[in-house]
Protein backbone atom coordinates (compact mmCIF):
# COMPACT_ATOMS: atom_id res chain seq x y z
CA UNK A 1 0.00 0.00 0.00
CA UNK A 2 1.49 3.39 -1.00
CA UNK A 3 2.21 5.92 1.73
CA UNK A 4 0.36 9.22 1.29
CA UNK A 5 0.32 12.28 3.50
CA UNK A 6 -2.52 11.81 5.97
CA UNK A 7 -5.07 14.18 4.34
CA UNK A 8 -4.53 12.71 0.88
CA UNK A 9 -4.70 9.12 2.15
CA UNK A 10 -7.88 9.92 4.08
CA UNK A 11 -9.44 11.65 1.05
CA UNK A 12 -8.65 8.70 -1.27
CA UNK A 13 -10.49 6.26 0.98
CA UNK A 14 -13.56 8.46 1.33
CA UNK A 15 -14.42 9.47 -2.24
CA UNK A 16 -13.04 10.46 -5.63
CA UNK A 17 -14.27 14.03 -4.96
CA UNK A 18 -12.22 14.15 -1.75
CA UNK A 19 -9.19 12.91 -3.67
CA UNK A 20 -9.67 15.63 -6.30
CA UNK A 21 -10.02 18.35 -3.62
CA UNK A 22 -6.92 17.13 -1.75
CA UNK A 23 -4.85 17.09 -4.96
CA UNK A 24 -6.10 20.55 -5.96
CA UNK A 25 -5.18 21.95 -2.54
CA UNK A 26 -1.67 20.50 -2.81
CA UNK A 27 -1.16 22.08 -6.25
CA UNK A 28 -2.45 25.47 -5.08
CA UNK A 29 -0.35 25.35 -1.91
CA UNK A 30 2.89 24.70 -3.79
CA UNK A 31 2.26 26.76 -6.94
CA UNK A 32 3.50 30.05 -5.48
CA UNK A 33 6.76 28.66 -4.14
CA UNK A 34 8.83 29.44 -7.24
CA UNK A 35 7.53 33.03 -7.47
CA UNK A 36 9.73 34.27 -4.61
CA UNK A 37 10.63 37.93 -5.28
CA UNK A 38 14.31 38.81 -5.11
CA UNK A 39 15.25 41.26 -2.35
CA UNK A 40 18.23 43.42 -3.25
CA UNK A 41 21.10 45.04 -1.34
CA UNK A 42 21.27 48.83 -1.24
CA UNK A 43 24.07 51.05 0.07
CA UNK A 44 25.19 54.63 -0.07
CA UNK A 45 26.14 57.83 1.68
CA UNK A 46 24.32 60.74 3.31
CA UNK A 47 25.92 64.14 3.77
CA UNK A 48 24.45 67.28 5.33
CA UNK A 49 25.96 70.60 4.25
CA UNK A 50 28.86 68.65 2.73
CA UNK A 51 29.67 66.68 5.90
CA UNK A 52 28.85 62.99 6.55
CA UNK A 53 25.71 62.58 8.69
CA UNK A 54 27.08 61.30 12.02
CA UNK A 55 24.07 59.12 12.83
CA UNK A 56 20.52 58.67 11.66
CA UNK A 57 18.15 56.34 9.87
CA UNK A 58 17.15 55.83 6.25
CA UNK A 59 13.87 54.20 5.22
CA UNK A 60 12.80 53.20 1.70
CA UNK A 61 9.01 53.28 1.26
CA UNK A 62 7.62 51.65 -1.92
CA UNK A 63 5.87 54.09 -4.26
CA UNK A 64 2.67 53.20 -6.09
CA UNK A 65 3.33 50.41 -8.56
CA UNK A 66 6.26 49.00 -6.58
CA UNK A 67 5.74 45.74 -4.71
CA UNK A 68 7.26 44.85 -1.52
CA UNK A 69 8.40 45.66 1.89
CA UNK A 70 9.67 48.87 3.35
CA UNK A 71 13.41 48.61 4.00
CA UNK A 72 15.74 50.62 6.15
CA UNK A 73 19.08 50.93 7.89
CA UNK A 74 21.09 52.93 10.37
CA UNK A 75 23.33 55.68 9.03
CA UNK A 76 26.73 55.74 10.72
CA UNK A 77 29.41 58.28 9.77
CA UNK A 78 27.51 59.07 6.57
CA UNK A 79 27.29 55.45 5.38
CA UNK A 80 24.32 53.08 5.17
CA UNK A 81 23.99 49.53 3.95
CA UNK A 82 20.90 47.33 3.58
CA UNK A 83 21.69 43.64 3.10
CA UNK A 84 19.71 41.65 0.56
CA UNK A 85 18.09 39.65 3.37
CA UNK A 86 16.27 42.82 4.51
CA UNK A 87 16.50 44.79 1.28
CA UNK A 88 13.77 46.07 -1.00
CA UNK A 89 12.44 44.56 -4.20
CA UNK A 90 13.23 46.26 -7.51
CA UNK A 91 11.19 49.43 -8.01
CA UNK A 92 10.77 53.09 -7.08
CA UNK A 93 10.92 54.27 -3.48
CA UNK A 94 10.37 57.38 -1.42
CA UNK A 95 13.40 57.95 0.81
CA UNK A 96 13.04 59.21 4.39
CA UNK A 97 16.15 60.31 6.25
CA UNK A 98 15.95 61.17 9.94
CA UNK A 99 18.52 62.35 12.46
CA UNK A 100 17.41 63.05 16.01
CA UNK A 101 19.14 64.94 18.78
CA UNK A 102 18.36 64.57 22.47
CA UNK A 103 17.03 67.75 24.04
CA UNK A 104 18.58 67.90 27.48
CA UNK A 105 16.30 68.96 30.28
CA UNK A 106 13.07 68.40 28.38
CA UNK A 107 11.08 65.28 29.16
CA UNK A 108 8.17 63.87 27.21
CA UNK A 109 5.66 61.10 27.88
CA UNK A 110 6.28 57.74 26.25
CA UNK A 111 4.81 54.25 26.64
CA UNK A 112 7.06 51.38 27.68
CA UNK A 113 5.73 48.59 25.45
CA UNK A 114 7.12 45.90 27.76
CA UNK A 115 5.20 47.10 30.82
CA UNK A 116 2.44 49.18 29.24
CA UNK A 117 3.25 52.03 31.62
CA UNK A 118 3.58 55.68 30.74
CA UNK A 119 6.98 57.09 31.61
CA UNK A 120 8.91 60.32 31.15
CA UNK A 121 11.83 60.08 28.75
CA UNK A 122 14.35 62.53 27.40
CA UNK A 123 12.88 64.45 24.47
CA UNK A 124 14.37 64.59 21.00
CA UNK A 125 14.21 66.96 18.08
CA UNK A 126 14.59 66.28 14.38
CA UNK A 127 17.76 67.80 12.94
CA UNK A 128 16.76 67.56 9.27
CA UNK A 129 14.02 69.53 7.49
CA UNK A 130 10.70 67.72 6.81
CA UNK A 131 11.46 67.65 3.04
CA UNK A 132 13.89 64.80 3.84
CA UNK A 133 11.65 62.75 6.16
CA UNK A 134 7.94 63.35 6.98
CA UNK A 135 7.39 65.30 3.72
CA UNK A 136 10.22 63.66 1.82
CA UNK A 137 10.97 64.77 -1.72
CA UNK A 138 13.74 62.18 -2.08
CA UNK A 139 13.27 59.15 -4.36
CA UNK A 140 15.40 56.37 -5.79
CA UNK A 141 14.98 53.40 -8.09
CA UNK A 142 16.34 49.99 -7.12
CA UNK A 143 17.17 47.76 -10.09
CA UNK A 144 17.80 44.04 -10.26
CA UNK A 145 21.04 44.58 -12.20
CA UNK A 146 22.49 46.91 -9.50
CA UNK A 147 24.77 48.26 -8.19
CA UNK A 148 22.08 50.17 -6.20
CA UNK A 149 24.50 52.65 -4.62
CA UNK A 150 22.96 56.03 -3.82
CA UNK A 151 24.38 59.27 -2.47
CA UNK A 152 22.20 61.90 -0.82
CA UNK A 153 23.53 65.42 -0.40
CA UNK A 154 21.19 67.18 2.03
CA UNK A 155 21.06 70.76 3.30
CA UNK A 156 20.26 71.62 6.93
CA UNK A 157 18.13 74.63 5.89
């Protein structure tokens, strides 16, 4: 007697319709496996007023018509790198660059997600104009043939 996965074996004994449904489900379940989109590495530099951005974050948000996840990385000494394992798919993206500075002496309320309690934490302020983050005008296009290296020259004013 042949060995079938339990649902298929059970369906075969019950009726031809059950067998057909079980086979159809197996085909549907495995049909998308080869259509795995390729995530791509992205790297580059960020300068502000001609100097490397000391620290910050960069986020790539897919624009309409581009599939896939948002991707991002830390910026350290003006350099960022997104590995292919967490990279975007090919397409066009809106770029958001943020750089925060702690405001000493000013506290703000924040929720600790581990405890659910409201606590006072040191406040921060955004160092870059909104046209580079919340109202970003920056875009880029990631291509499957690379090299997907981008340089952003930002102005503080």
